[in-house]
Amino acid sequence: ALVPTGAVVLDNPRGTAPGLWLERGDQVVVLLPGPPRELE
């Protein structure tokens, strides 16, 4: 449940780890869970 300041939380209905969308200027960093059934 720890979320970096300014991140958009990406819901994960298939698991417990939400994904995160972060922006730094024009760049984007996306954090996704590892299990393919959650990531895909």
PDB file of all heavy atoms in Angstrom:
ATOM      1  N   ALA A   1       0.818  -1.209   0.000  1.00  0.00           N
ATOM      2  CA  ALA A   1       0.000   0.000   0.000  1.00  0.00           C
ATOM      3  C   ALA A   1       0.855   1.263   0.000  1.00  0.00           C
ATOM      4  O   ALA A   1       0.315   2.372   0.023  1.00  0.00           O
ATOM      5  CB  ALA A   1      -0.935  -0.002   1.209  1.00  0.00           C
ATOM      6  N   LEU A   2       2.177   1.118  -0.033  1.00  0.00           N
ATOM      7  CA  LEU A   2       3.046   2.290  -0.091  1.00  0.00           C
ATOM      8  C   LEU A   2       3.059   2.832  -1.521  1.00  0.00           C
ATOM      9  O   LEU A   2       3.363   2.108  -2.466  1.00  0.00           O
ATOM     10  CB  LEU A   2       4.463   1.934   0.361  1.00  0.00           C
ATOM     11  CG  LEU A   2       4.608   1.516   1.820  1.00  0.00           C
ATOM     12  CD1 LEU A   2       6.027   1.050   2.117  1.00  0.00           C
ATOM     13  CD2 LEU A   2       4.208   2.669   2.740  1.00  0.00           C
ATOM     14  N   VAL A   3       2.735   4.113  -1.650  1.00  0.00           N
ATOM     15  CA  VAL A   3       2.612   4.740  -2.967  1.00  0.00           C
ATOM     16  C   VAL A   3       3.526   5.959  -3.023  1.00  0.00           C
ATOM     17  O   VAL A   3       3.472   6.820  -2.147  1.00  0.00           O
ATOM     18  CB  VAL A   3       1.142   5.156  -3.228  1.00  0.00           C
ATOM     19  CG1 VAL A   3       1.001   5.897  -4.545  1.00  0.00           C
ATOM     20  CG2 VAL A   3       0.243   3.934  -3.189  1.00  0.00           C
ATOM     21  N   PRO A   4       4.372   6.053  -4.058  1.00  0.00           N
ATOM     22  CA  PRO A   4       5.206   7.247  -4.211  1.00  0.00           C
ATOM     23  C   PRO A   4       4.345   8.489  -4.456  1.00  0.00           C
ATOM     24  O   PRO A   4       3.303   8.414  -5.116  1.00  0.00           O
ATOM     25  CB  PRO A   4       6.069   6.941  -5.442  1.00  0.00           C
ATOM     26  CG  PRO A   4       6.021   5.456  -5.587  1.00  0.00           C
ATOM     27  CD  PRO A   4       4.681   5.044  -5.070  1.00  0.00           C
ATOM     28  N   THR A   5       4.779   9.617  -3.960  1.00  0.00           N
ATOM     29  CA  THR A   5       4.074  10.876  -4.146  1.00  0.00           C
ATOM     30  C   THR A   5       3.814  11.125  -5.630  1.00  0.00           C
ATOM     31  O   THR A   5       4.719  11.030  -6.447  1.00  0.00           O
ATOM     32  CB  THR A   5       4.929  12.040  -3.582  1.00  0.00           C
ATOM     33  OG1 THR A   5       5.238  11.756  -2.224  1.00  0.00           O
ATOM     34  CG2 THR A   5       4.188  13.363  -3.686  1.00  0.00           C
ATOM     35  N   GLY A   6       2.567  11.420  -5.963  1.00  0.00           N
ATOM     36  CA  GLY A   6       2.207  11.743  -7.339  1.00  0.00           C
ATOM     37  C   GLY A   6       1.919  10.554  -8.231  1.00  0.00           C
ATOM     38  O   GLY A   6       1.542  10.727  -9.393  1.00  0.00           O
ATOM     39  N   ALA A   7       2.076   9.337  -7.717  1.00  0.00           N
ATOM     40  CA  ALA A   7       1.847   8.139  -8.541  1.00  0.00           C
ATOM     41  C   ALA A   7       0.359   7.895  -8.736  1.00  0.00           C
ATOM     42  O   ALA A   7      -0.458   8.207  -7.870  1.00  0.00           O
ATOM     43  CB  ALA A   7       2.484   6.919  -7.893  1.00  0.00           C
ATOM     44  N   VAL A   8       0.028   7.321  -9.882  1.00  0.00           N
ATOM     45  CA  VAL A   8      -1.325   6.845 -10.143  1.00  0.00           C
ATOM     46  C   VAL A   8      -1.322   5.348  -9.839  1.00  0.00           C
ATOM     47  O   VAL A   8      -0.468   4.611 -10.340  1.00  0.00           O
ATOM     48  CB  VAL A   8      -1.731   7.092 -11.612  1.00  0.00           C
ATOM     49  CG1 VAL A   8      -3.081   6.457 -11.910  1.00  0.00           C
ATOM     50  CG2 VAL A   8      -1.746   8.581 -11.916  1.00  0.00           C
ATOM     51  N   VAL A   9      -2.242   4.903  -9.004  1.00  0.00           N
ATOM     52  CA  VAL A   9      -2.336   3.496  -8.625  1.00  0.00           C
ATOM     53  C   VAL A   9      -3.108   2.745  -9.710  1.00  0.00           C
ATOM     54  O   VAL A   9      -4.179   3.182 -10.128  1.00  0.00           O
ATOM     55  CB  VAL A   9      -3.024   3.340  -7.249  1.00  0.00           C
ATOM     56  CG1 VAL A   9      -3.228   1.871  -6.906  1.00  0.00           C
ATOM     57  CG2 VAL A   9      -2.215   4.050  -6.171  1.00  0.00           C
ATOM     58  N   LEU A  10      -2.549   1.618 -10.143  1.00  0.00           N
ATOM     59  CA  LEU A  10      -3.186   0.774 -11.157  1.00  0.00           C
ATOM     60  C   LEU A  10      -3.781  -0.442 -10.449  1.00  0.00           C
ATOM     61  O   LEU A  10      -3.053  -1.223  -9.834  1.00  0.00           O
ATOM     62  CB  LEU A  10      -2.151   0.340 -12.201  1.00  0.00           C
ATOM     63  CG  LEU A  10      -1.353   1.466 -12.861  1.00  0.00           C
ATOM     64  CD1 LEU A  10      -0.261   0.901 -13.749  1.00  0.00           C
ATOM     65  CD2 LEU A  10      -2.276   2.391 -13.632  1.00  0.00           C
ATOM     66  N   ASP A  11      -5.077  -0.583 -10.529  1.00  0.00           N
ATOM     67  CA  ASP A  11      -5.786  -1.647  -9.826  1.00  0.00           C
ATOM     68  C   ASP A  11      -5.332  -3.029 -10.308  1.00  0.00           C
ATOM     69  O   ASP A  11      -5.051  -3.223 -11.482  1.00  0.00           O
ATOM     70  CB  ASP A  11      -7.286  -1.486 -10.038  1.00  0.00           C
ATOM     71  CG  ASP A  11      -8.091  -2.431  -9.163  1.00  0.00           C
ATOM     72  OD1 ASP A  11      -7.711  -2.637  -7.994  1.00  0.00           O
ATOM     73  OD2 ASP A  11      -9.090  -2.978  -9.665  1.00  0.00           O
ATOM     74  N   ASN A  12      -5.267  -3.966  -9.374  1.00  0.00           N
ATOM     75  CA  ASN A  12      -4.888  -5.340  -9.683  1.00  0.00           C
ATOM     76  C   ASN A  12      -5.978  -6.279  -9.173  1.00  0.00           C
ATOM     77  O   ASN A  12      -5.907  -6.766  -8.050  1.00  0.00           O
ATOM     78  CB  ASN A  12      -3.545  -5.687  -9.039  1.00  0.00           C
ATOM     79  CG  ASN A  12      -3.068  -7.075  -9.389  1.00  0.00           C
ATOM     80  OD1 ASN A  12      -3.747  -7.837 -10.071  1.00  0.00           O
ATOM     81  ND2 ASN A  12      -1.894  -7.424  -8.904  1.00  0.00           N
ATOM     82  N   PRO A  13      -7.011  -6.553  -9.983  1.00  0.00           N
ATOM     83  CA  PRO A  13      -8.084  -7.423  -9.520  1.00  0.00           C
ATOM     84  C   PRO A  13      -7.674  -8.880  -9.382  1.00  0.00           C
ATOM     85  O   PRO A  13      -8.386  -9.669  -8.775  1.00  0.00           O
ATOM     86  CB  PRO A  13      -9.172  -7.259 -10.596  1.00  0.00           C
ATOM     87  CG  PRO A  13      -8.459  -6.771 -11.801  1.00  0.00           C
ATOM     88  CD  PRO A  13      -7.256  -6.019 -11.314  1.00  0.00           C
ATOM     89  N   ARG A  14      -6.520  -9.249  -9.913  1.00  0.00           N
ATOM     90  CA  ARG A  14      -6.082 -10.650  -9.866  1.00  0.00           C
ATOM     91  C   ARG A  14      -5.001 -10.923  -8.827  1.00  0.00           C
ATOM     92  O   ARG A  14      -4.496 -12.037  -8.749  1.00  0.00           O
ATOM     93  CB  ARG A  14      -5.565 -11.068 -11.235  1.00  0.00           C
ATOM     94  CG  ARG A  14      -6.657 -11.049 -12.279  1.00  0.00           C
ATOM     95  CD  ARG A  14      -6.184 -11.662 -13.534  1.00  0.00           C
ATOM     96  NE  ARG A  14      -7.258 -11.706 -14.505  1.00  0.00           N
ATOM     97  CZ  ARG A  14      -7.208 -12.407 -15.604  1.00  0.00           C
ATOM     98  NH1 ARG A  14      -6.148 -13.118 -15.887  1.00  0.00           N
ATOM     99  NH2 ARG A  14      -8.214 -12.402 -16.435  1.00  0.00           N
ATOM    100  N   GLY A  15      -4.625  -9.916  -8.068  1.00  0.00           N
ATOM    101  CA  GLY A  15      -3.571 -10.121  -7.082  1.00  0.00           C
ATOM    102  C   GLY A  15      -3.587  -9.013  -6.051  1.00  0.00           C
ATOM    103  O   GLY A  15      -4.464  -8.148  -6.054  1.00  0.00           O
ATOM    104  N   THR A  16      -2.584  -9.039  -5.186  1.00  0.00           N
ATOM    105  CA  THR A  16      -2.553  -8.063  -4.099  1.00  0.00           C
ATOM    106  C   THR A  16      -1.682  -6.846  -4.385  1.00  0.00           C
ATOM    107  O   THR A  16      -1.849  -5.816  -3.757  1.00  0.00           O
ATOM    108  CB  THR A  16      -2.055  -8.722  -2.790  1.00  0.00           C
ATOM    109  OG1 THR A  16      -0.763  -9.278  -3.009  1.00  0.00           O
ATOM    110  CG2 THR A  16      -3.018  -9.792  -2.320  1.00  0.00           C
ATOM    111  N   ALA A  17      -0.737  -6.953  -5.317  1.00  0.00           N
ATOM    112  CA  ALA A  17       0.177  -5.844  -5.572  1.00  0.00           C
ATOM    113  C   ALA A  17      -0.363  -4.930  -6.674  1.00  0.00           C
ATOM    114  O   ALA A  17      -0.438  -5.322  -7.828  1.00  0.00           O
ATOM    115  CB  ALA A  17       1.549  -6.379  -5.985  1.00  0.00           C
ATOM    116  N   PRO A  18      -0.745  -3.689  -6.324  1.00  0.00           N
ATOM    117  CA  PRO A  18      -1.180  -2.772  -7.369  1.00  0.00           C
ATOM    118  C   PRO A  18       0.017  -2.312  -8.203  1.00  0.00           C
ATOM    119  O   PRO A  18       1.152  -2.308  -7.735  1.00  0.00           O
ATOM    120  CB  PRO A  18      -1.789  -1.603  -6.590  1.00  0.00           C
ATOM    121  CG  PRO A  18      -1.144  -1.644  -5.253  1.00  0.00           C
ATOM    122  CD  PRO A  18      -0.802  -3.081  -4.989  1.00  0.00           C
ATOM    123  N   GLY A  19      -0.266  -1.932  -9.424  1.00  0.00           N
ATOM    124  CA  GLY A  19       0.766  -1.333 -10.259  1.00  0.00           C
ATOM    125  C   GLY A  19       0.819   0.162  -9.991  1.00  0.00           C
ATOM    126  O   GLY A  19      -0.039   0.723  -9.302  1.00  0.00           O
ATOM    127  N   LEU A  20       1.834   0.818 -10.553  1.00  0.00           N
ATOM    128  CA  LEU A  20       1.997   2.261 -10.350  1.00  0.00           C
ATOM    129  C   LEU A  20       2.421   2.924 -11.651  1.00  0.00           C
ATOM    130  O   LEU A  20       3.227   2.365 -12.406  1.00  0.00           O
ATOM    131  CB  LEU A  20       3.048   2.531  -9.265  1.00  0.00           C
ATOM    132  CG  LEU A  20       2.718   2.008  -7.872  1.00  0.00           C
ATOM    133  CD1 LEU A  20       3.957   2.012  -6.994  1.00  0.00           C
ATOM    134  CD2 LEU A  20       1.610   2.846  -7.239  1.00  0.00           C
ATOM    135  N   TRP A  21       1.900   4.102 -11.918  1.00  0.00           N
ATOM    136  CA  TRP A  21       2.256   4.938 -13.071  1.00  0.00           C
ATOM    137  C   TRP A  21       2.873   6.209 -12.504  1.00  0.00           C
ATOM    138  O   TRP A  21       2.231   6.917 -11.730  1.00  0.00           O
ATOM    139  CB  TRP A  21       0.996   5.252 -13.868  1.00  0.00           C
ATOM    140  CG  TRP A  21       1.144   6.278 -14.959  1.00  0.00           C
ATOM    141  CD1 TRP A  21       1.240   7.633 -14.797  1.00  0.00           C
ATOM    142  CD2 TRP A  21       1.190   6.039 -16.368  1.00  0.00           C
ATOM    143  NE1 TRP A  21       1.327   8.241 -16.020  1.00  0.00           N
ATOM    144  CE2 TRP A  21       1.303   7.295 -17.002  1.00  0.00           C
ATOM    145  CE3 TRP A  21       1.127   4.891 -17.155  1.00  0.00           C
ATOM    146  CZ2 TRP A  21       1.366   7.421 -18.388  1.00  0.00           C
ATOM    147  CZ3 TRP A  21       1.194   5.029 -18.525  1.00  0.00           C
ATOM    148  CH2 TRP A  21       1.313   6.271 -19.135  1.00  0.00           C
ATOM    149  N   LEU A  22       4.124   6.483 -12.870  1.00  0.00           N
ATOM    150  CA  LEU A  22       4.831   7.667 -12.381  1.00  0.00           C
ATOM    151  C   LEU A  22       5.324   8.484 -13.564  1.00  0.00           C
ATOM    152  O   LEU A  22       5.731   7.920 -14.580  1.00  0.00           O
ATOM    153  CB  LEU A  22       6.038   7.248 -11.531  1.00  0.00           C
ATOM    154  CG  LEU A  22       5.717   6.428 -10.300  1.00  0.00           C
ATOM    155  CD1 LEU A  22       6.677   5.278 -10.157  1.00  0.00           C
ATOM    156  CD2 LEU A  22       5.796   7.309  -9.091  1.00  0.00           C
ATOM    157  N   GLU A  23       5.295   9.795 -13.422  1.00  0.00           N
ATOM    158  CA  GLU A  23       5.807  10.668 -14.471  1.00  0.00           C
ATOM    159  C   GLU A  23       6.922  11.535 -13.915  1.00  0.00           C
ATOM    160  O   GLU A  23       6.847  12.005 -12.785  1.00  0.00           O
ATOM    161  CB  GLU A  23       4.684  11.538 -15.037  1.00  0.00           C
ATOM    162  CG  GLU A  23       3.619  10.719 -15.742  1.00  0.00           C
ATOM    163  CD  GLU A  23       2.602  11.562 -16.491  1.00  0.00           C
ATOM    164  OE1 GLU A  23       2.919  12.723 -16.843  1.00  0.00           O
ATOM    165  OE2 GLU A  23       1.496  11.046 -16.730  1.00  0.00           O
ATOM    166  N   ARG A  24       7.945  11.697 -14.746  1.00  0.00           N
ATOM    167  CA  ARG A  24       9.049  12.609 -14.426  1.00  0.00           C
ATOM    168  C   ARG A  24       9.277  13.444 -15.676  1.00  0.00           C
ATOM    169  O   ARG A  24       9.854  12.957 -16.652  1.00  0.00           O
ATOM    170  CB  ARG A  24      10.309  11.831 -14.071  1.00  0.00           C
ATOM    171  CG  ARG A  24      11.437  12.740 -13.612  1.00  0.00           C
ATOM    172  CD  ARG A  24      12.675  11.961 -13.367  1.00  0.00           C
ATOM    173  NE  ARG A  24      13.500  12.032 -14.567  1.00  0.00           N
ATOM    174  CZ  ARG A  24      14.803  11.865 -14.575  1.00  0.00           C
ATOM    175  NH1 ARG A  24      15.436  11.566 -13.471  1.00  0.00           N
ATOM    176  NH2 ARG A  24      15.487  11.962 -15.681  1.00  0.00           N
ATOM    177  N   GLY A  25       8.767  14.663 -15.676  1.00  0.00           N
ATOM    178  CA  GLY A  25       8.812  15.475 -16.889  1.00  0.00           C
ATOM    179  C   GLY A  25       8.020  14.775 -17.976  1.00  0.00           C
ATOM    180  O   GLY A  25       6.872  14.396 -17.781  1.00  0.00           O
ATOM    181  N   ASP A  26       8.656  14.558 -19.123  1.00  0.00           N
ATOM    182  CA  ASP A  26       8.010  13.864 -20.234  1.00  0.00           C
ATOM    183  C   ASP A  26       8.171  12.349 -20.163  1.00  0.00           C
ATOM    184  O   ASP A  26       7.652  11.639 -21.015  1.00  0.00           O
ATOM    185  CB  ASP A  26       8.587  14.350 -21.571  1.00  0.00           C
ATOM    186  CG  ASP A  26       8.066  15.716 -21.956  1.00  0.00           C
ATOM    187  OD1 ASP A  26       6.982  16.101 -21.478  1.00  0.00           O
ATOM    188  OD2 ASP A  26       8.742  16.409 -22.739  1.00  0.00           O
ATOM    189  N   GLN A  27       8.924  11.874 -19.193  1.00  0.00           N
ATOM    190  CA  GLN A  27       9.166  10.438 -19.079  1.00  0.00           C
ATOM    191  C   GLN A  27       8.124   9.773 -18.188  1.00  0.00           C
ATOM    192  O   GLN A  27       7.561  10.397 -17.295  1.00  0.00           O
ATOM    193  CB  GLN A  27      10.562  10.171 -18.510  1.00  0.00           C
ATOM    194  CG  GLN A  27      11.674  10.567 -19.457  1.00  0.00           C
ATOM    195  CD  GLN A  27      13.023  10.379 -18.809  1.00  0.00           C
ATOM    196  OE1 GLN A  27      13.356  11.035 -17.832  1.00  0.00           O
ATOM    197  NE2 GLN A  27      13.816   9.475 -19.375  1.00  0.00           N
ATOM    198  N   VAL A  28       7.906   8.486 -18.454  1.00  0.00           N
ATOM    199  CA  VAL A  28       6.952   7.696 -17.675  1.00  0.00           C
ATOM    200  C   VAL A  28       7.656   6.449 -17.159  1.00  0.00           C
ATOM    201  O   VAL A  28       8.421   5.811 -17.888  1.00  0.00           O
ATOM    202  CB  VAL A  28       5.730   7.293 -18.538  1.00  0.00           C
ATOM    203  CG1 VAL A  28       4.817   6.345 -17.784  1.00  0.00           C
ATOM    204  CG2 VAL A  28       4.960   8.531 -18.991  1.00  0.00           C
ATOM    205  N   VAL A  29       7.391   6.112 -15.913  1.00  0.00           N
ATOM    206  CA  VAL A  29       7.885   4.874 -15.317  1.00  0.00           C
ATOM    207  C   VAL A  29       6.655   4.106 -14.826  1.00  0.00           C
ATOM    208  O   VAL A  29       5.853   4.643 -14.061  1.00  0.00           O
ATOM    209  CB  VAL A  29       8.855   5.137 -14.140  1.00  0.00           C
ATOM    210  CG1 VAL A  29       9.369   3.831 -13.564  1.00  0.00           C
ATOM    211  CG2 VAL A  29      10.017   6.032 -14.575  1.00  0.00           C
ATOM    212  N   VAL A  30       6.523   2.881 -15.302  1.00  0.00           N
ATOM    213  CA  VAL A  30       5.390   2.043 -14.923  1.00  0.00           C
ATOM    214  C   VAL A  30       5.918   0.839 -14.155  1.00  0.00           C
ATOM    215  O   VAL A  30       6.838   0.163 -14.621  1.00  0.00           O
ATOM    216  CB  VAL A  30       4.603   1.570 -16.175  1.00  0.00           C
ATOM    217  CG1 VAL A  30       3.475   0.638 -15.769  1.00  0.00           C
ATOM    218  CG2 VAL A  30       4.073   2.755 -16.961  1.00  0.00           C
ATOM    219  N   LEU A  31       5.341   0.584 -12.986  1.00  0.00           N
ATOM    220  CA  LEU A  31       5.711  -0.570 -12.170  1.00  0.00           C
ATOM    221  C   LEU A  31       4.557  -1.561 -12.219  1.00  0.00           C
ATOM    222  O   LEU A  31       3.429  -1.226 -11.852  1.00  0.00           O
ATOM    223  CB  LEU A  31       5.972  -0.158 -10.715  1.00  0.00           C
ATOM    224  CG  LEU A  31       6.879   1.051 -10.475  1.00  0.00           C
ATOM    225  CD1 LEU A  31       7.072   1.269  -8.984  1.00  0.00           C
ATOM    226  CD2 LEU A  31       8.204   0.895 -11.164  1.00  0.00           C
ATOM    227  N   LEU A  32       4.860  -2.779 -12.681  1.00  0.00           N
ATOM    228  CA  LEU A  32       3.838  -3.818 -12.809  1.00  0.00           C
ATOM    229  C   LEU A  32       4.204  -5.024 -11.957  1.00  0.00           C
ATOM    230  O   LEU A  32       5.391  -5.307 -11.746  1.00  0.00           O
ATOM    231  CB  LEU A  32       3.730  -4.257 -14.274  1.00  0.00           C
ATOM    232  CG  LEU A  32       3.328  -3.179 -15.283  1.00  0.00           C
ATOM    233  CD1 LEU A  32       3.420  -3.734 -16.700  1.00  0.00           C
ATOM    234  CD2 LEU A  32       1.940  -2.649 -14.996  1.00  0.00           C
ATOM    235  N   PRO A  33       3.209  -5.767 -11.483  1.00  0.00           N
ATOM    236  CA  PRO A  33       3.499  -6.994 -10.732  1.00  0.00           C
ATOM    237  C   PRO A  33       4.120  -8.046 -11.639  1.00  0.00           C
ATOM    238  O   PRO A  33       3.979  -7.980 -12.865  1.00  0.00           O
ATOM    239  CB  PRO A  33       2.130  -7.428 -10.225  1.00  0.00           C
ATOM    240  CG  PRO A  33       1.148  -6.792 -11.144  1.00  0.00           C
ATOM    241  CD  PRO A  33       1.771  -5.537 -11.648  1.00  0.00           C
ATOM    242  N   GLY A  34       4.799  -9.014 -11.046  1.00  0.00           N
ATOM    243  CA  GLY A  34       5.513 -10.026 -11.816  1.00  0.00           C
ATOM    244  C   GLY A  34       4.694 -11.168 -12.372  1.00  0.00           C
ATOM    245  O   GLY A  34       4.936 -11.604 -13.499  1.00  0.00           O
ATOM    246  N   PRO A  35       3.708 -11.704 -11.645  1.00  0.00           N
ATOM    247  CA  PRO A  35       2.967 -12.839 -12.189  1.00  0.00           C
ATOM    248  C   PRO A  35       2.259 -12.467 -13.496  1.00  0.00           C
ATOM    249  O   PRO A  35       1.504 -11.486 -13.529  1.00  0.00           O
ATOM    250  CB  PRO A  35       1.950 -13.170 -11.087  1.00  0.00           C
ATOM    251  CG  PRO A  35       2.575 -12.636  -9.824  1.00  0.00           C
ATOM    252  CD  PRO A  35       3.315 -11.404 -10.257  1.00  0.00           C
ATOM    253  N   PRO A  36       2.477 -13.221 -14.573  1.00  0.00           N
ATOM    254  CA  PRO A  36       1.858 -12.891 -15.867  1.00  0.00           C
ATOM    255  C   PRO A  36       0.339 -12.772 -15.801  1.00  0.00           C
ATOM    256  O   PRO A  36      -0.242 -11.924 -16.473  1.00  0.00           O
ATOM    257  CB  PRO A  36       2.293 -14.047 -16.774  1.00  0.00           C
ATOM    258  CG  PRO A  36       3.586 -14.509 -16.189  1.00  0.00           C
ATOM    259  CD  PRO A  36       3.424 -14.350 -14.701  1.00  0.00           C
ATOM    260  N   ARG A  37      -0.329 -13.582 -14.972  1.00  0.00           N
ATOM    261  CA  ARG A  37      -1.791 -13.518 -14.893  1.00  0.00           C
ATOM    262  C   ARG A  37      -2.261 -12.198 -14.285  1.00  0.00           C
ATOM    263  O   ARG A  37      -3.418 -11.813 -14.446  1.00  0.00           O
ATOM    264  CB  ARG A  37      -2.362 -14.703 -14.124  1.00  0.00           C
ATOM    265  CG  ARG A  37      -2.064 -14.714 -12.662  1.00  0.00           C
ATOM    266  CD  ARG A  37      -2.672 -15.927 -11.962  1.00  0.00           C
ATOM    267  NE  ARG A  37      -2.600 -15.786 -10.530  1.00  0.00           N
ATOM    268  CZ  ARG A  37      -3.431 -15.065  -9.793  1.00  0.00           C
ATOM    269  NH1 ARG A  37      -4.407 -14.408 -10.349  1.00  0.00           N
ATOM    270  NH2 ARG A  37      -3.283 -14.993  -8.488  1.00  0.00           N
ATOM    271  N   GLU A  38      -1.363 -11.473 -13.592  1.00  0.00           N
ATOM    272  CA  GLU A  38      -1.668 -10.145 -13.068  1.00  0.00           C
ATOM    273  C   GLU A  38      -1.166  -9.058 -14.015  1.00  0.00           C
ATOM    274  O   GLU A  38      -1.857  -8.078 -14.280  1.00  0.00           O
ATOM    275  CB  GLU A  38      -1.038  -9.964 -11.688  1.00  0.00           C
ATOM    276  CG  GLU A  38      -1.543 -10.929 -10.638  1.00  0.00           C
ATOM    277  CD  GLU A  38      -0.810 -10.805  -9.312  1.00  0.00           C
ATOM    278  OE1 GLU A  38      -0.382  -9.674  -8.968  1.00  0.00           O
ATOM    279  OE2 GLU A  38      -0.662 -11.831  -8.619  1.00  0.00           O
ATOM    280  N   LEU A  39       0.046  -9.236 -14.516  1.00  0.00           N
ATOM    281  CA  LEU A  39       0.679  -8.233 -15.372  1.00  0.00           C
ATOM    282  C   LEU A  39      -0.064  -8.033 -16.691  1.00  0.00           C
ATOM    283  O   LEU A  39      -0.308  -6.901 -17.111  1.00  0.00           O
ATOM    284  CB  LEU A  39       2.129  -8.626 -15.637  1.00  0.00           C
ATOM    285  CG  LEU A  39       2.929  -7.734 -16.581  1.00  0.00           C
ATOM    286  CD1 LEU A  39       4.357  -7.590 -16.099  1.00  0.00           C
ATOM    287  CD2 LEU A  39       2.925  -8.244 -18.010  1.00  0.00           C
ATOM    288  N   GLU A  40      -0.409  -9.116 -17.366  1.00  0.00           N
ATOM    289  CA  GLU A  40      -0.969  -9.003 -18.713  1.00  0.00           C
ATOM    290  C   GLU A  40      -2.285  -8.229 -18.764  1.00  0.00           C
ATOM    291  O   GLU A  40      -2.425  -7.297 -19.559  1.00  0.00           O
ATOM    292  CB  GLU A  40      -1.081 -10.381 -19.357  1.00  0.00           C
ATOM    293  CG  GLU A  40       0.291 -10.957 -19.670  1.00  0.00           C
ATOM    294  CD  GLU A  40       0.262 -12.355 -20.267  1.00  0.00           C
ATOM    295  OE1 GLU A  40      -0.841 -12.833 -20.652  1.00  0.00           O
ATOM    296  OE2 GLU A  40       1.330 -12.971 -20.345  1.00  0.00           O
TER     297      GLU A  40
END
